[in-house]
Amino acid sequence: SAYMKTITKLQDENDKLRGQLTTLDESDEKSNFFVYLLLVVI
């Protein structure tokens, strides 16, 4: 039971980190879009 709880906790943490990574990738894509747009405007 303790091992299962630990594994579940680690899986939840892994899912949370993947979500954060996805969010960072999306914000990175948005910032890249704005950089490209700014370069085009310049």
Full PDB file with SEQRES, HELIX, SHEET, SSBOND, CRYST1, ORIGX, SCALE, CONECT and MASTER records, all heavy atoms in Angstrom:
SEQRES   1 A   42  SER ALA TYR MET LYS THR ILE THR LYS LEU GLN ASP GLU          
SEQRES   2 A   42  ASN ASP LYS LEU ARG GLY GLN LEU THR THR LEU ASP GLU          
SEQRES   3 A   42  SER ASP GLU LYS SER ASN PHE PHE VAL TYR LEU LEU LEU          
SEQRES   4 A   42  VAL VAL ILE                                                  
HELIX    1 AA1 ALA A    2  VAL A   41  1                                  40    
CRYST1    1.000    1.000    1.000  90.00  90.00  90.00 P 1           1          
ORIGX1      1.000000  0.000000  0.000000        0.00000                         
ORIGX2      0.000000  1.000000  0.000000        0.00000                         
ORIGX3      0.000000  0.000000  1.000000        0.00000                         
SCALE1      1.000000  0.000000  0.000000        0.00000                         
SCALE2      0.000000  1.000000  0.000000        0.00000                         
SCALE3      0.000000  0.000000  1.000000        0.00000                         
ATOM      1  N   SER A   1       0.837  -1.208   0.000  1.00  0.00           N  
ATOM      2  CA  SER A   1       0.000   0.000   0.000  1.00  0.00           C  
ATOM      3  C   SER A   1       0.868   1.252   0.000  1.00  0.00           C  
ATOM      4  O   SER A   1       0.584   2.211  -0.730  1.00  0.00           O  
ATOM      5  CB  SER A   1      -0.927   0.009   1.208  1.00  0.00           C  
ATOM      6  OG  SER A   1      -1.825  -1.066   1.161  1.00  0.00           O  
ATOM      7  N   ALA A   2       1.914   1.245   0.809  1.00  0.00           N  
ATOM      8  CA  ALA A   2       2.817   2.399   0.857  1.00  0.00           C  
ATOM      9  C   ALA A   2       3.513   2.590  -0.483  1.00  0.00           C  
ATOM     10  O   ALA A   2       3.655   3.727  -0.966  1.00  0.00           O  
ATOM     11  CB  ALA A   2       3.841   2.217   1.975  1.00  0.00           C  
ATOM     12  N   TYR A   3       3.954   1.485  -1.106  1.00  0.00           N  
ATOM     13  CA  TYR A   3       4.597   1.587  -2.415  1.00  0.00           C  
ATOM     14  C   TYR A   3       3.626   2.129  -3.459  1.00  0.00           C  
ATOM     15  O   TYR A   3       3.990   2.959  -4.288  1.00  0.00           O  
ATOM     16  CB  TYR A   3       5.134   0.231  -2.868  1.00  0.00           C  
ATOM     17  CG  TYR A   3       6.260  -0.313  -2.025  1.00  0.00           C  
ATOM     18  CD1 TYR A   3       6.428  -1.680  -1.867  1.00  0.00           C  
ATOM     19  CD2 TYR A   3       7.161   0.520  -1.373  1.00  0.00           C  
ATOM     20  CE1 TYR A   3       7.457  -2.190  -1.086  1.00  0.00           C  
ATOM     21  CE2 TYR A   3       8.182   0.023  -0.598  1.00  0.00           C  
ATOM     22  CZ  TYR A   3       8.329  -1.340  -0.461  1.00  0.00           C  
ATOM     23  OH  TYR A   3       9.349  -1.851   0.303  1.00  0.00           O  
ATOM     24  N   MET A   4       2.381   1.657  -3.384  1.00  0.00           N  
ATOM     25  CA  MET A   4       1.382   2.130  -4.341  1.00  0.00           C  
ATOM     26  C   MET A   4       1.116   3.626  -4.143  1.00  0.00           C  
ATOM     27  O   MET A   4       0.983   4.373  -5.118  1.00  0.00           O  
ATOM     28  CB  MET A   4       0.097   1.316  -4.200  1.00  0.00           C  
ATOM     29  CG  MET A   4       0.227  -0.100  -4.727  1.00  0.00           C  
ATOM     30  SD  MET A   4      -1.168  -1.179  -4.374  1.00  0.00           S  
ATOM     31  CE  MET A   4      -2.501  -0.319  -5.159  1.00  0.00           C  
ATOM     32  N   LYS A   5       1.046   4.070  -2.893  1.00  0.00           N  
ATOM     33  CA  LYS A   5       0.840   5.495  -2.620  1.00  0.00           C  
ATOM     34  C   LYS A   5       2.014   6.309  -3.145  1.00  0.00           C  
ATOM     35  O   LYS A   5       1.833   7.371  -3.739  1.00  0.00           O  
ATOM     36  CB  LYS A   5       0.670   5.732  -1.117  1.00  0.00           C  
ATOM     37  CG  LYS A   5      -0.669   5.307  -0.585  1.00  0.00           C  
ATOM     38  CD  LYS A   5      -0.771   5.548   0.915  1.00  0.00           C  
ATOM     39  CE  LYS A   5      -2.073   5.013   1.472  1.00  0.00           C  
ATOM     40  NZ  LYS A   5      -2.144   5.163   2.935  1.00  0.00           N  
ATOM     41  N   THR A   6       3.233   5.787  -2.922  1.00  0.00           N  
ATOM     42  CA  THR A   6       4.423   6.495  -3.389  1.00  0.00           C  
ATOM     43  C   THR A   6       4.425   6.583  -4.908  1.00  0.00           C  
ATOM     44  O   THR A   6       4.708   7.636  -5.478  1.00  0.00           O  
ATOM     45  CB  THR A   6       5.696   5.781  -2.891  1.00  0.00           C  
ATOM     46  OG1 THR A   6       5.667   5.717  -1.473  1.00  0.00           O  
ATOM     47  CG2 THR A   6       6.940   6.501  -3.351  1.00  0.00           C  
ATOM     48  N   ILE A   7       4.110   5.484  -5.560  1.00  0.00           N  
ATOM     49  CA  ILE A   7       4.087   5.476  -7.020  1.00  0.00           C  
ATOM     50  C   ILE A   7       3.007   6.418  -7.542  1.00  0.00           C  
ATOM     51  O   ILE A   7       3.236   7.181  -8.487  1.00  0.00           O  
ATOM     52  CB  ILE A   7       3.902   4.036  -7.547  1.00  0.00           C  
ATOM     53  CG1 ILE A   7       5.184   3.232  -7.297  1.00  0.00           C  
ATOM     54  CG2 ILE A   7       3.552   4.029  -9.024  1.00  0.00           C  
ATOM     55  CD1 ILE A   7       5.053   1.748  -7.576  1.00  0.00           C  
ATOM     56  N   THR A   8       1.827   6.408  -6.903  1.00  0.00           N  
ATOM     57  CA  THR A   8       0.753   7.307  -7.304  1.00  0.00           C  
ATOM     58  C   THR A   8       1.182   8.761  -7.122  1.00  0.00           C  
ATOM     59  O   THR A   8       0.941   9.610  -7.990  1.00  0.00           O  
ATOM     60  CB  THR A   8      -0.524   7.021  -6.490  1.00  0.00           C  
ATOM     61  OG1 THR A   8      -0.887   5.660  -6.675  1.00  0.00           O  
ATOM     62  CG2 THR A   8      -1.662   7.928  -6.889  1.00  0.00           C  
ATOM     63  N   LYS A   9       1.831   9.033  -5.999  1.00  0.00           N  
ATOM     64  CA  LYS A   9       2.306  10.393  -5.730  1.00  0.00           C  
ATOM     65  C   LYS A   9       3.324  10.817  -6.787  1.00  0.00           C  
ATOM     66  O   LYS A   9       3.268  11.938  -7.306  1.00  0.00           O  
ATOM     67  CB  LYS A   9       2.932  10.444  -4.334  1.00  0.00           C  
ATOM     68  CG  LYS A   9       3.396  11.797  -3.902  1.00  0.00           C  
ATOM     69  CD  LYS A   9       3.961  11.746  -2.491  1.00  0.00           C  
ATOM     70  CE  LYS A   9       4.528  13.072  -2.063  1.00  0.00           C  
ATOM     71  NZ  LYS A   9       5.123  13.000  -0.733  1.00  0.00           N  
ATOM     72  N   LEU A  10       4.247   9.909  -7.137  1.00  0.00           N  
ATOM     73  CA  LEU A  10       5.244  10.234  -8.153  1.00  0.00           C  
ATOM     74  C   LEU A  10       4.601  10.408  -9.530  1.00  0.00           C  
ATOM     75  O   LEU A  10       5.007  11.280 -10.301  1.00  0.00           O  
ATOM     76  CB  LEU A  10       6.317   9.145  -8.200  1.00  0.00           C  
ATOM     77  CG  LEU A  10       7.269   9.108  -6.996  1.00  0.00           C  
ATOM     78  CD1 LEU A  10       8.168   7.885  -7.065  1.00  0.00           C  
ATOM     79  CD2 LEU A  10       8.098  10.376  -6.925  1.00  0.00           C  
ATOM     80  N   GLN A  11       3.594   9.586  -9.827  1.00  0.00           N  
ATOM     81  CA  GLN A  11       2.900   9.741 -11.110  1.00  0.00           C  
ATOM     82  C   GLN A  11       2.165  11.081 -11.166  1.00  0.00           C  
ATOM     83  O   GLN A  11       2.177  11.765 -12.194  1.00  0.00           O  
ATOM     84  CB  GLN A  11       1.915   8.593 -11.321  1.00  0.00           C  
ATOM     85  CG  GLN A  11       2.587   7.287 -11.675  1.00  0.00           C  
ATOM     86  CD  GLN A  11       1.604   6.115 -11.747  1.00  0.00           C  
ATOM     87  OE1 GLN A  11       0.519   6.175 -11.173  1.00  0.00           O  
ATOM     88  NE2 GLN A  11       1.999   5.065 -12.429  1.00  0.00           N  
ATOM     89  N   ASP A  12       1.525  11.471 -10.053  1.00  0.00           N  
ATOM     90  CA  ASP A  12       0.846  12.770  -9.996  1.00  0.00           C  
ATOM     91  C   ASP A  12       1.850  13.909 -10.178  1.00  0.00           C  
ATOM     92  O   ASP A  12       1.588  14.869 -10.914  1.00  0.00           O  
ATOM     93  CB  ASP A  12       0.092  12.939  -8.680  1.00  0.00           C  
ATOM     94  CG  ASP A  12      -1.110  12.016  -8.568  1.00  0.00           C  
ATOM     95  OD1 ASP A  12      -1.545  11.481  -9.608  1.00  0.00           O  
ATOM     96  OD2 ASP A  12      -1.601  11.823  -7.432  1.00  0.00           O  
ATOM     97  N   GLU A  13       2.996  13.786  -9.506  1.00  0.00           N  
ATOM     98  CA  GLU A  13       4.044  14.798  -9.631  1.00  0.00           C  
ATOM     99  C   GLU A  13       4.554  14.856 -11.073  1.00  0.00           C  
ATOM    100  O   GLU A  13       4.789  15.942 -11.619  1.00  0.00           O  
ATOM    101  CB  GLU A  13       5.195  14.485  -8.667  1.00  0.00           C  
ATOM    102  CG  GLU A  13       6.291  15.517  -8.631  1.00  0.00           C  
ATOM    103  CD  GLU A  13       5.860  16.828  -8.012  1.00  0.00           C  
ATOM    104  OE1 GLU A  13       4.917  16.844  -7.205  1.00  0.00           O  
ATOM    105  OE2 GLU A  13       6.476  17.859  -8.345  1.00  0.00           O  
ATOM    106  N   ASN A  14       4.702  13.687 -11.678  1.00  0.00           N  
ATOM    107  CA  ASN A  14       5.159  13.621 -13.070  1.00  0.00           C  
ATOM    108  C   ASN A  14       4.133  14.284 -13.988  1.00  0.00           C  
ATOM    109  O   ASN A  14       4.506  15.047 -14.895  1.00  0.00           O  
ATOM    110  CB  ASN A  14       5.378  12.154 -13.462  1.00  0.00           C  
ATOM    111  CG  ASN A  14       6.137  12.009 -14.754  1.00  0.00           C  
ATOM    112  OD1 ASN A  14       6.752  12.939 -15.236  1.00  0.00           O  
ATOM    113  ND2 ASN A  14       6.085  10.828 -15.331  1.00  0.00           N  
ATOM    114  N   ASP A  15       2.838  14.000 -13.775  1.00  0.00           N  
ATOM    115  CA  ASP A  15       1.790  14.631 -14.579  1.00  0.00           C  
ATOM    116  C   ASP A  15       1.797  16.147 -14.388  1.00  0.00           C  
ATOM    117  O   ASP A  15       1.618  16.903 -15.348  1.00  0.00           O  
ATOM    118  CB  ASP A  15       0.418  14.063 -14.209  1.00  0.00           C  
ATOM    119  CG  ASP A  15       0.237  12.616 -14.651  1.00  0.00           C  
ATOM    120  OD1 ASP A  15       1.016  12.155 -15.517  1.00  0.00           O  
ATOM    121  OD2 ASP A  15      -0.668  11.938 -14.112  1.00  0.00           O  
ATOM    122  N   LYS A  16       1.982  16.594 -13.157  1.00  0.00           N  
ATOM    123  CA  LYS A  16       2.027  18.018 -12.853  1.00  0.00           C  
ATOM    124  C   LYS A  16       3.200  18.677 -13.585  1.00  0.00           C  
ATOM    125  O   LYS A  16       3.046  19.736 -14.198  1.00  0.00           O  
ATOM    126  CB  LYS A  16       2.161  18.212 -11.339  1.00  0.00           C  
ATOM    127  CG  LYS A  16       2.204  19.636 -10.880  1.00  0.00           C  
ATOM    128  CD  LYS A  16       2.331  19.703  -9.366  1.00  0.00           C  
ATOM    129  CE  LYS A  16       2.598  21.102  -8.884  1.00  0.00           C  
ATOM    130  NZ  LYS A  16       2.819  21.141  -7.438  1.00  0.00           N  
ATOM    131  N   LEU A  17       4.360  18.015 -13.533  1.00  0.00           N  
ATOM    132  CA  LEU A  17       5.539  18.561 -14.215  1.00  0.00           C  
ATOM    133  C   LEU A  17       5.348  18.570 -15.733  1.00  0.00           C  
ATOM    134  O   LEU A  17       5.784  19.506 -16.414  1.00  0.00           O  
ATOM    135  CB  LEU A  17       6.789  17.761 -13.837  1.00  0.00           C  
ATOM    136  CG  LEU A  17       7.265  17.940 -12.395  1.00  0.00           C  
ATOM    137  CD1 LEU A  17       8.413  16.990 -12.091  1.00  0.00           C  
ATOM    138  CD2 LEU A  17       7.686  19.378 -12.137  1.00  0.00           C  
ATOM    139  N   ARG A  18       4.695  17.542 -16.266  1.00  0.00           N  
ATOM    140  CA  ARG A  18       4.405  17.530 -17.709  1.00  0.00           C  
ATOM    141  C   ARG A  18       3.469  18.674 -18.078  1.00  0.00           C  
ATOM    142  O   ARG A  18       3.617  19.307 -19.121  1.00  0.00           O  
ATOM    143  CB  ARG A  18       3.794  16.191 -18.105  1.00  0.00           C  
ATOM    144  CG  ARG A  18       4.812  15.102 -18.215  1.00  0.00           C  
ATOM    145  CD  ARG A  18       4.209  13.823 -18.716  1.00  0.00           C  
ATOM    146  NE  ARG A  18       5.218  12.772 -18.749  1.00  0.00           N  
ATOM    147  CZ  ARG A  18       4.977  11.500 -18.886  1.00  0.00           C  
ATOM    148  NH1 ARG A  18       3.727  11.086 -19.000  1.00  0.00           N  
ATOM    149  NH2 ARG A  18       5.949  10.617 -18.914  1.00  0.00           N  
ATOM    150  N   GLY A  19       2.481  18.926 -17.222  1.00  0.00           N  
ATOM    151  CA  GLY A  19       1.574  20.051 -17.445  1.00  0.00           C  
ATOM    152  C   GLY A  19       2.325  21.370 -17.437  1.00  0.00           C  
ATOM    153  O   GLY A  19       2.085  22.248 -18.283  1.00  0.00           O  
ATOM    154  N   GLN A  20       3.242  21.536 -16.488  1.00  0.00           N  
ATOM    155  CA  GLN A  20       4.044  22.750 -16.430  1.00  0.00           C  
ATOM    156  C   GLN A  20       4.921  22.885 -17.672  1.00  0.00           C  
ATOM    157  O   GLN A  20       5.090  23.978 -18.211  1.00  0.00           O  
ATOM    158  CB  GLN A  20       4.916  22.750 -15.176  1.00  0.00           C  
ATOM    159  CG  GLN A  20       4.162  22.976 -13.894  1.00  0.00           C  
ATOM    160  CD  GLN A  20       5.062  22.895 -12.658  1.00  0.00           C  
ATOM    161  OE1 GLN A  20       6.230  22.552 -12.768  1.00  0.00           O  
ATOM    162  NE2 GLN A  20       4.503  23.199 -11.510  1.00  0.00           N  
ATOM    163  N   LEU A  21       5.472  21.752 -18.122  1.00  0.00           N  
ATOM    164  CA  LEU A  21       6.307  21.760 -19.320  1.00  0.00           C  
ATOM    165  C   LEU A  21       5.479  22.161 -20.535  1.00  0.00           C  
ATOM    166  O   LEU A  21       5.927  22.962 -21.364  1.00  0.00           O  
ATOM    167  CB  LEU A  21       6.941  20.376 -19.532  1.00  0.00           C  
ATOM    168  CG  LEU A  21       7.912  20.243 -20.689  1.00  0.00           C  
ATOM    169  CD1 LEU A  21       9.115  21.150 -20.479  1.00  0.00           C  
ATOM    170  CD2 LEU A  21       8.369  18.813 -20.837  1.00  0.00           C  
ATOM    171  N   THR A  22       4.266  21.643 -20.628  1.00  0.00           N  
ATOM    172  CA  THR A  22       3.375  22.000 -21.734  1.00  0.00           C  
ATOM    173  C   THR A  22       3.053  23.488 -21.680  1.00  0.00           C  
ATOM    174  O   THR A  22       3.066  24.173 -22.714  1.00  0.00           O  
ATOM    175  CB  THR A  22       2.082  21.165 -21.667  1.00  0.00           C  
ATOM    176  OG1 THR A  22       2.422  19.782 -21.682  1.00  0.00           O  
ATOM    177  CG2 THR A  22       1.161  21.472 -22.821  1.00  0.00           C  
ATOM    178  N   THR A  23       2.758  23.997 -20.489  1.00  0.00           N  
ATOM    179  CA  THR A  23       2.462  25.418 -20.318  1.00  0.00           C  
ATOM    180  C   THR A  23       3.662  26.262 -20.724  1.00  0.00           C  
ATOM    181  O   THR A  23       3.518  27.283 -21.419  1.00  0.00           O  
ATOM    182  CB  THR A  23       2.073  25.717 -18.856  1.00  0.00           C  
ATOM    183  OG1 THR A  23       0.999  24.873 -18.473  1.00  0.00           O  
ATOM    184  CG2 THR A  23       1.683  27.159 -18.665  1.00  0.00           C  
ATOM    185  N   LEU A  24       4.848  25.842 -20.305  1.00  0.00           N  
ATOM    186  CA  LEU A  24       6.061  26.574 -20.673  1.00  0.00           C  
ATOM    187  C   LEU A  24       6.292  26.524 -22.177  1.00  0.00           C  
ATOM    188  O   LEU A  24       6.699  27.526 -22.785  1.00  0.00           O  
ATOM    189  CB  LEU A  24       7.271  26.003 -19.934  1.00  0.00           C  
ATOM    190  CG  LEU A  24       7.366  26.311 -18.445  1.00  0.00           C  
ATOM    191  CD1 LEU A  24       8.549  25.572 -17.828  1.00  0.00           C  
ATOM    192  CD2 LEU A  24       7.505  27.804 -18.214  1.00  0.00           C  
ATOM    193  N   ASP A  25       6.028  25.387 -22.792  1.00  0.00           N  
ATOM    194  CA  ASP A  25       6.178  25.279 -24.244  1.00  0.00           C  
ATOM    195  C   ASP A  25       5.202  26.211 -24.958  1.00  0.00           C  
ATOM    196  O   ASP A  25       5.559  26.879 -25.928  1.00  0.00           O  
ATOM    197  CB  ASP A  25       5.957  23.835 -24.706  1.00  0.00           C  
ATOM    198  CG  ASP A  25       7.126  22.922 -24.397  1.00  0.00           C  
ATOM    199  OD1 ASP A  25       8.222  23.450 -24.097  1.00  0.00           O  
ATOM    200  OD2 ASP A  25       6.947  21.685 -24.458  1.00  0.00           O  
ATOM    201  N   GLU A  26       3.960  26.254 -24.465  1.00  0.00           N  
ATOM    202  CA  GLU A  26       2.967  27.138 -25.073  1.00  0.00           C  
ATOM    203  C   GLU A  26       3.362  28.588 -24.910  1.00  0.00           C  
ATOM    204  O   GLU A  26       3.263  29.383 -25.849  1.00  0.00           O  
ATOM    205  CB  GLU A  26       1.594  26.887 -24.455  1.00  0.00           C  
ATOM    206  CG  GLU A  26       0.960  25.568 -24.844  1.00  0.00           C  
ATOM    207  CD  GLU A  26      -0.313  25.254 -24.078  1.00  0.00           C  
ATOM    208  OE1 GLU A  26      -0.732  26.089 -23.233  1.00  0.00           O  
ATOM    209  OE2 GLU A  26      -0.894  24.188 -24.326  1.00  0.00           O  
ATOM    210  N   SER A  27       3.816  28.970 -23.715  1.00  0.00           N  
ATOM    211  CA  SER A  27       4.221  30.364 -23.500  1.00  0.00           C  
ATOM    212  C   SER A  27       5.469  30.683 -24.320  1.00  0.00           C  
ATOM    213  O   SER A  27       5.622  31.796 -24.819  1.00  0.00           O  
ATOM    214  CB  SER A  27       4.451  30.645 -22.016  1.00  0.00           C  
ATOM    215  OG  SER A  27       5.588  29.948 -21.551  1.00  0.00           O  
ATOM    216  N   ASP A  28       6.343  29.686 -24.494  1.00  0.00           N  
ATOM    217  CA  ASP A  28       7.535  29.865 -25.317  1.00  0.00           C  
ATOM    218  C   ASP A  28       7.132  30.079 -26.775  1.00  0.00           C  
ATOM    219  O   ASP A  28       7.683  30.929 -27.460  1.00  0.00           O  
ATOM    220  CB  ASP A  28       8.452  28.649 -25.182  1.00  0.00           C  
ATOM    221  CG  ASP A  28       9.815  28.861 -25.791  1.00  0.00           C  
ATOM    222  OD1 ASP A  28      10.327  30.003 -25.708  1.00  0.00           O  
ATOM    223  OD2 ASP A  28      10.364  27.891 -26.363  1.00  0.00           O  
ATOM    224  N   GLU A  29       6.135  29.312 -27.238  1.00  0.00           N  
ATOM    225  CA  GLU A  29       5.646  29.475 -28.604  1.00  0.00           C  
ATOM    226  C   GLU A  29       5.011  30.856 -28.781  1.00  0.00           C  
ATOM    227  O   GLU A  29       5.216  31.515 -29.802  1.00  0.00           O  
ATOM    228  CB  GLU A  29       4.626  28.387 -28.934  1.00  0.00           C  
ATOM    229  CG  GLU A  29       5.223  27.016 -29.131  1.00  0.00           C  
ATOM    230  CD  GLU A  29       4.161  25.933 -29.338  1.00  0.00           C  
ATOM    231  OE1 GLU A  29       2.966  26.262 -29.514  1.00  0.00           O  
ATOM    232  OE2 GLU A  29       4.544  24.754 -29.319  1.00  0.00           O  
ATOM    233  N   LYS A  30       4.245  31.307 -27.762  1.00  0.00           N  
ATOM    234  CA  LYS A  30       3.634  32.635 -27.838  1.00  0.00           C  
ATOM    235  C   LYS A  30       4.705  33.716 -27.876  1.00  0.00           C  
ATOM    236  O   LYS A  30       4.617  34.660 -28.653  1.00  0.00           O  
ATOM    237  CB  LYS A  30       2.701  32.852 -26.646  1.00  0.00           C  
ATOM    238  CG  LYS A  30       1.424  32.075 -26.716  1.00  0.00           C  
ATOM    239  CD  LYS A  30       0.558  32.322 -25.488  1.00  0.00           C  
ATOM    240  CE  LYS A  30      -0.685  31.446 -25.507  1.00  0.00           C  
ATOM    241  NZ  LYS A  30      -1.494  31.615 -24.290  1.00  0.00           N  
ATOM    242  N   SER A  31       5.712  33.572 -27.013  1.00  0.00           N  
ATOM    243  CA  SER A  31       6.769  34.586 -26.996  1.00  0.00           C  
ATOM    244  C   SER A  31       7.555  34.554 -28.303  1.00  0.00           C  
ATOM    245  O   SER A  31       7.951  35.597 -28.820  1.00  0.00           O  
ATOM    246  CB  SER A  31       7.687  34.410 -25.790  1.00  0.00           C  
ATOM    247  OG  SER A  31       8.375  33.183 -25.869  1.00  0.00           O  
ATOM    248  N   ASN A  32       7.759  33.359 -28.858  1.00  0.00           N  
ATOM    249  CA  ASN A  32       8.439  33.271 -30.155  1.00  0.00           C  
ATOM    250  C   ASN A  32       7.588  33.943 -31.237  1.00  0.00           C  
ATOM    251  O   ASN A  32       8.122  34.625 -32.115  1.00  0.00           O  
ATOM    252  CB  ASN A  32       8.691  31.812 -30.537  1.00  0.00           C  
ATOM    253  CG  ASN A  32       9.842  31.207 -29.748  1.00  0.00           C  
ATOM    254  OD1 ASN A  32      10.624  31.909 -29.135  1.00  0.00           O  
ATOM    255  ND2 ASN A  32       9.926  29.882 -29.769  1.00  0.00           N  
ATOM    256  N   PHE A  33       6.278  33.738 -31.182  1.00  0.00           N  
ATOM    257  CA  PHE A  33       5.394  34.382 -32.152  1.00  0.00           C  
ATOM    258  C   PHE A  33       5.515  35.894 -32.071  1.00  0.00           C  
ATOM    259  O   PHE A  33       5.629  36.595 -33.084  1.00  0.00           O  
ATOM    260  CB  PHE A  33       3.944  33.934 -31.898  1.00  0.00           C  
ATOM    261  CG  PHE A  33       2.944  34.670 -32.736  1.00  0.00           C  
ATOM    262  CD1 PHE A  33       2.806  34.377 -34.091  1.00  0.00           C  
ATOM    263  CD2 PHE A  33       2.150  35.672 -32.193  1.00  0.00           C  
ATOM    264  CE1 PHE A  33       1.895  35.062 -34.866  1.00  0.00           C  
ATOM    265  CE2 PHE A  33       1.239  36.355 -32.964  1.00  0.00           C  
ATOM    266  CZ  PHE A  33       1.099  36.058 -34.312  1.00  0.00           C  
ATOM    267  N   PHE A  34       5.532  36.421 -30.824  1.00  0.00           N  
ATOM    268  CA  PHE A  34       5.648  37.879 -30.658  1.00  0.00           C  
ATOM    269  C   PHE A  34       7.016  38.374 -31.121  1.00  0.00           C  
ATOM    270  O   PHE A  34       7.113  39.457 -31.701  1.00  0.00           O  
ATOM    271  CB  PHE A  34       5.397  38.274 -29.191  1.00  0.00           C  
ATOM    272  CG  PHE A  34       3.959  38.159 -28.783  1.00  0.00           C  
ATOM    273  CD1 PHE A  34       3.582  37.356 -27.727  1.00  0.00           C  
ATOM    274  CD2 PHE A  34       2.964  38.865 -29.467  1.00  0.00           C  
ATOM    275  CE1 PHE A  34       2.253  37.255 -27.359  1.00  0.00           C  
ATOM    276  CE2 PHE A  34       1.632  38.757 -29.090  1.00  0.00           C  
ATOM    277  CZ  PHE A  34       1.276  37.952 -28.031  1.00  0.00           C  
ATOM    278  N   VAL A  35       8.045  37.603 -30.905  1.00  0.00           N  
ATOM    279  CA  VAL A  35       9.386  38.003 -31.372  1.00  0.00           C  
ATOM    280  C   VAL A  35       9.394  38.055 -32.897  1.00  0.00           C  
ATOM    281  O   VAL A  35       9.905  39.017 -33.497  1.00  0.00           O  
ATOM    282  CB  VAL A  35      10.466  37.026 -30.836  1.00  0.00           C  
ATOM    283  CG1 VAL A  35      11.792  37.233 -31.533  1.00  0.00           C  
ATOM    284  CG2 VAL A  35      10.639  37.209 -29.339  1.00  0.00           C  
ATOM    285  N   TYR A  36       8.830  37.038 -33.539  1.00  0.00           N  
ATOM    286  CA  TYR A  36       8.784  37.027 -35.010  1.00  0.00           C  
ATOM    287  C   TYR A  36       7.932  38.187 -35.536  1.00  0.00           C  
ATOM    288  O   TYR A  36       8.284  38.853 -36.511  1.00  0.00           O  
ATOM    289  CB  TYR A  36       8.243  35.699 -35.534  1.00  0.00           C  
ATOM    290  CG  TYR A  36       9.162  34.523 -35.267  1.00  0.00           C  
ATOM    291  CD1 TYR A  36       8.642  33.311 -34.840  1.00  0.00           C  
ATOM    292  CD2 TYR A  36      10.538  34.636 -35.447  1.00  0.00           C  
ATOM    293  CE1 TYR A  36       9.473  32.234 -34.593  1.00  0.00           C  
ATOM    294  CE2 TYR A  36      11.371  33.566 -35.206  1.00  0.00           C  
ATOM    295  CZ  TYR A  36      10.843  32.359 -34.772  1.00  0.00           C  
ATOM    296  OH  TYR A  36      11.663  31.295 -34.523  1.00  0.00           O  
ATOM    297  N   LEU A  37       6.807  38.434 -34.893  1.00  0.00           N  
ATOM    298  CA  LEU A  37       5.947  39.543 -35.286  1.00  0.00           C  
ATOM    299  C   LEU A  37       6.678  40.869 -35.137  1.00  0.00           C  
ATOM    300  O   LEU A  37       6.609  41.734 -36.020  1.00  0.00           O  
ATOM    301  CB  LEU A  37       4.661  39.522 -34.449  1.00  0.00           C  
ATOM    302  CG  LEU A  37       3.620  40.583 -34.780  1.00  0.00           C  
ATOM    303  CD1 LEU A  37       3.086  40.388 -36.206  1.00  0.00           C  
ATOM    304  CD2 LEU A  37       2.477  40.544 -33.783  1.00  0.00           C  
ATOM    305  N   LEU A  38       7.376  41.026 -34.033  1.00  0.00           N  
ATOM    306  CA  LEU A  38       8.153  42.240 -33.786  1.00  0.00           C  
ATOM    307  C   LEU A  38       9.237  42.406 -34.831  1.00  0.00           C  
ATOM    308  O   LEU A  38       9.461  43.520 -35.339  1.00  0.00           O  
ATOM    309  CB  LEU A  38       8.751  42.198 -32.379  1.00  0.00           C  
ATOM    310  CG  LEU A  38       9.466  43.444 -31.884  1.00  0.00           C  
ATOM    311  CD1 LEU A  38       8.512  44.634 -31.830  1.00  0.00           C  
ATOM    312  CD2 LEU A  38      10.075  43.210 -30.530  1.00  0.00           C  
ATOM    313  N   LEU A  39       9.905  41.313 -35.188  1.00  0.00           N  
ATOM    314  CA  LEU A  39      10.935  41.376 -36.232  1.00  0.00           C  
ATOM    315  C   LEU A  39      10.332  41.774 -37.579  1.00  0.00           C  
ATOM    316  O   LEU A  39      10.919  42.576 -38.327  1.00  0.00           O  
ATOM    317  CB  LEU A  39      11.657  40.036 -36.350  1.00  0.00           C  
ATOM    318  CG  LEU A  39      12.627  39.691 -35.217  1.00  0.00           C  
ATOM    319  CD1 LEU A  39      13.171  38.268 -35.416  1.00  0.00           C  
ATOM    320  CD2 LEU A  39      13.772  40.677 -35.166  1.00  0.00           C  
ATOM    321  N   VAL A  40       9.150  41.245 -37.876  1.00  0.00           N  
ATOM    322  CA  VAL A  40       8.478  41.607 -39.132  1.00  0.00           C  
ATOM    323  C   VAL A  40       8.111  43.088 -39.123  1.00  0.00           C  
ATOM    324  O   VAL A  40       8.314  43.812 -40.108  1.00  0.00           O  
ATOM    325  CB  VAL A  40       7.244  40.707 -39.356  1.00  0.00           C  
ATOM    326  CG1 VAL A  40       6.376  41.233 -40.493  1.00  0.00           C  
ATOM    327  CG2 VAL A  40       7.669  39.287 -39.650  1.00  0.00           C  
ATOM    328  N   VAL A  41       7.567  43.563 -37.998  1.00  0.00           N  
ATOM    329  CA  VAL A  41       7.195  44.981 -37.885  1.00  0.00           C  
ATOM    330  C   VAL A  41       8.429  45.861 -38.035  1.00  0.00           C  
ATOM    331  O   VAL A  41       8.415  46.874 -38.746  1.00  0.00           O  
ATOM    332  CB  VAL A  41       6.454  45.247 -36.543  1.00  0.00           C  
ATOM    333  CG1 VAL A  41       6.294  46.736 -36.274  1.00  0.00           C  
ATOM    334  CG2 VAL A  41       5.107  44.567 -36.543  1.00  0.00           C  
ATOM    335  N   ILE A  42       9.527  45.467 -37.380  1.00  0.00           N  
ATOM    336  CA  ILE A  42      10.780  46.240 -37.485  1.00  0.00           C  
ATOM    337  C   ILE A  42      11.265  46.251 -38.929  1.00  0.00           C  
ATOM    338  O   ILE A  42      11.690  47.290 -39.461  1.00  0.00           O  
ATOM    339  CB  ILE A  42      11.849  45.690 -36.531  1.00  0.00           C  
ATOM    340  CG1 ILE A  42      11.450  45.996 -35.077  1.00  0.00           C  
ATOM    341  CG2 ILE A  42      13.218  46.278 -36.828  1.00  0.00           C  
ATOM    342  CD1 ILE A  42      12.344  45.340 -34.042  1.00  0.00           C  
TER     343      ILE A  42                                                      
MASTER        0    0    0    1    0    0    0    6  342    1    0    4          
END                                                                             
